[in-house]
Amino acid sequence: MSLEAYQKEVAHMGESRGVKDHDHDMIHDLSRRLDALWRYDQYIDNAQGYKSVQAFWEKVKQQEKDNVKELKKLLSEHIKLGDF
């Protein structure tokens, strides 16, 4: 693709936004973390017989749960303030 074609393709990206950038960032990151959280049970199961590996995935899973909880709280606060 030529530079001119690329510039035309992306010329209007970002003009229409549904939310502020920081809100989009939180939503995007929450989605990514929820996807990861969804997979940890499988990772734990895959590590059967490897206690240290299972312990690692359990720890990471709990950290991610805490991150998800905090992000959900932040999003909720922004919505309640009308800053969303």
C-alpha atoms as a PDB file:
ATOM      1  CA  MET A   1       0.000   0.000   0.000  1.00  0.00           C
ATOM      2  CA  SER A   2       1.335   3.383  -0.928  1.00  0.00           C
ATOM      3  CA  LEU A   3       1.746   6.134   1.624  1.00  0.00           C
ATOM      4  CA  GLU A   4      -0.975   8.142  -0.093  1.00  0.00           C
ATOM      5  CA  ALA A   5      -3.417   5.225   0.046  1.00  0.00           C
ATOM      6  CA  TYR A   6      -2.607   4.633   3.712  1.00  0.00           C
ATOM      7  CA  GLN A   7      -3.096   8.294   4.590  1.00  0.00           C
ATOM      8  CA  LYS A   8      -6.484   8.264   2.871  1.00  0.00           C
ATOM      9  CA  GLU A   9      -7.465   5.068   4.707  1.00  0.00           C
ATOM     10  CA  VAL A  10      -6.713   6.510   8.150  1.00  0.00           C
ATOM     11  CA  ALA A  11      -7.552  10.171   7.507  1.00  0.00           C
ATOM     12  CA  HIS A  12     -10.736  10.141   9.596  1.00  0.00           C
ATOM     13  CA  MET A  13      -9.835   7.670  12.317  1.00  0.00           C
ATOM     14  CA  GLY A  14     -10.590   9.000  15.760  1.00  0.00           C
ATOM     15  CA  GLU A  15     -12.965  11.752  14.656  1.00  0.00           C
ATOM     16  CA  SER A  16     -15.957   9.975  16.147  1.00  0.00           C
ATOM     17  CA  ARG A  17     -15.449   8.863  19.705  1.00  0.00           C
ATOM     18  CA  GLY A  18     -18.080   7.358  21.947  1.00  0.00           C
ATOM     19  CA  VAL A  19     -16.131   8.037  25.145  1.00  0.00           C
ATOM     20  CA  LYS A  20     -13.066   9.939  26.313  1.00  0.00           C
ATOM     21  CA  ASP A  21      -9.702   8.306  25.663  1.00  0.00           C
ATOM     22  CA  HIS A  22      -9.102   7.418  29.315  1.00  0.00           C
ATOM     23  CA  ASP A  23     -12.527   5.749  29.550  1.00  0.00           C
ATOM     24  CA  HIS A  24     -11.843   3.787  26.376  1.00  0.00           C
ATOM     25  CA  ASP A  25      -8.482   2.740  27.814  1.00  0.00           C
ATOM     26  CA  MET A  26     -10.132   1.436  30.993  1.00  0.00           C
ATOM     27  CA  ILE A  27     -12.793  -0.461  29.042  1.00  0.00           C
ATOM     28  CA  HIS A  28     -10.224  -1.934  26.674  1.00  0.00           C
ATOM     29  CA  ASP A  29      -7.969  -2.992  29.537  1.00  0.00           C
ATOM     30  CA  LEU A  30     -10.894  -4.443  31.492  1.00  0.00           C
ATOM     31  CA  SER A  31     -11.831  -6.538  28.482  1.00  0.00           C
ATOM     32  CA  ARG A  32      -8.259  -7.768  28.102  1.00  0.00           C
ATOM     33  CA  ARG A  33      -8.040  -8.657  31.784  1.00  0.00           C
ATOM     34  CA  LEU A  34     -11.399 -10.457  31.736  1.00  0.00           C
ATOM     35  CA  ASP A  35     -10.195 -12.545  28.796  1.00  0.00           C
ATOM     36  CA  ALA A  36      -7.038 -13.458  30.711  1.00  0.00           C
ATOM     37  CA  LEU A  37      -8.988 -14.234  33.873  1.00  0.00           C
ATOM     38  CA  TRP A  38     -11.259 -16.533  31.899  1.00  0.00           C
ATOM     39  CA  ARG A  39      -8.219 -18.583  30.806  1.00  0.00           C
ATOM     40  CA  TYR A  40      -6.470 -19.018  34.172  1.00  0.00           C
ATOM     41  CA  ASP A  41      -8.601 -21.957  35.292  1.00  0.00           C
ATOM     42  CA  GLN A  42      -7.486 -23.808  32.172  1.00  0.00           C
ATOM     43  CA  TYR A  43      -3.861 -22.888  32.817  1.00  0.00           C
ATOM     44  CA  ILE A  44      -4.189 -24.206  36.369  1.00  0.00           C
ATOM     45  CA  ASP A  45      -5.692 -27.435  35.093  1.00  0.00           C
ATOM     46  CA  ASN A  46      -2.983 -27.771  32.435  1.00  0.00           C
ATOM     47  CA  ALA A  47      -0.359 -27.607  35.199  1.00  0.00           C
ATOM     48  CA  GLN A  48      -1.676 -30.697  37.036  1.00  0.00           C
ATOM     49  CA  GLY A  49       1.237 -32.351  38.824  1.00  0.00           C
ATOM     50  CA  TYR A  50       3.311 -29.141  38.852  1.00  0.00           C
ATOM     51  CA  LYS A  51       2.463 -27.506  42.178  1.00  0.00           C
ATOM     52  CA  SER A  52       4.743 -24.491  41.724  1.00  0.00           C
ATOM     53  CA  VAL A  53       3.272 -23.742  38.292  1.00  0.00           C
ATOM     54  CA  GLN A  54      -0.273 -24.111  39.600  1.00  0.00           C
ATOM     55  CA  ALA A  55       0.581 -21.841  42.533  1.00  0.00           C
ATOM     56  CA  PHE A  56       1.888 -19.236  40.091  1.00  0.00           C
ATOM     57  CA  TRP A  57      -1.326 -19.308  38.034  1.00  0.00           C
ATOM     58  CA  GLU A  58      -3.448 -19.139  41.198  1.00  0.00           C
ATOM     59  CA  LYS A  59      -1.493 -16.068  42.344  1.00  0.00           C
ATOM     60  CA  VAL A  60      -1.779 -14.384  38.948  1.00  0.00           C
ATOM     61  CA  LYS A  61      -5.493 -15.212  38.831  1.00  0.00           C
ATOM     62  CA  GLN A  62      -6.058 -13.520  42.201  1.00  0.00           C
ATOM     63  CA  GLN A  63      -4.049 -10.466  41.155  1.00  0.00           C
ATOM     64  CA  GLU A  64      -6.136 -10.206  37.999  1.00  0.00           C
ATOM     65  CA  LYS A  65      -9.370 -10.528  39.992  1.00  0.00           C
ATOM     66  CA  ASP A  66      -8.187  -7.612  42.136  1.00  0.00           C
ATOM     67  CA  ASN A  67      -7.302  -5.566  39.032  1.00  0.00           C
ATOM     68  CA  VAL A  68     -10.715  -6.276  37.471  1.00  0.00           C
ATOM     69  CA  LYS A  69     -12.471  -5.265  40.682  1.00  0.00           C
ATOM     70  CA  GLU A  70     -10.531  -1.991  40.820  1.00  0.00           C
ATOM     71  CA  LEU A  71     -11.167  -1.156  37.159  1.00  0.00           C
ATOM     72  CA  LYS A  72     -14.885  -1.868  37.546  1.00  0.00           C
ATOM     73  CA  LYS A  73     -14.966   0.451  40.551  1.00  0.00           C
ATOM     74  CA  LEU A  74     -13.210   3.229  38.618  1.00  0.00           C
ATOM     75  CA  LEU A  75     -15.586   2.864  35.681  1.00  0.00           C
ATOM     76  CA  SER A  76     -18.560   2.930  38.013  1.00  0.00           C
ATOM     77  CA  GLU A  77     -17.286   6.127  39.663  1.00  0.00           C
ATOM     78  CA  HIS A  78     -16.835   7.825  36.290  1.00  0.00           C
ATOM     79  CA  ILE A  79     -20.328   6.821  35.193  1.00  0.00           C
ATOM     80  CA  LYS A  80     -21.899   8.089  38.447  1.00  0.00           C
ATOM     81  CA  LEU A  81     -20.058  11.408  38.096  1.00  0.00           C
ATOM     82  CA  GLY A  82     -21.307  11.793  34.548  1.00  0.00           C
ATOM     83  CA  ASP A  83     -17.691  11.784  33.404  1.00  0.00           C
ATOM     84  CA  PHE A  84     -18.156   8.943  30.983  1.00  0.00           C
END
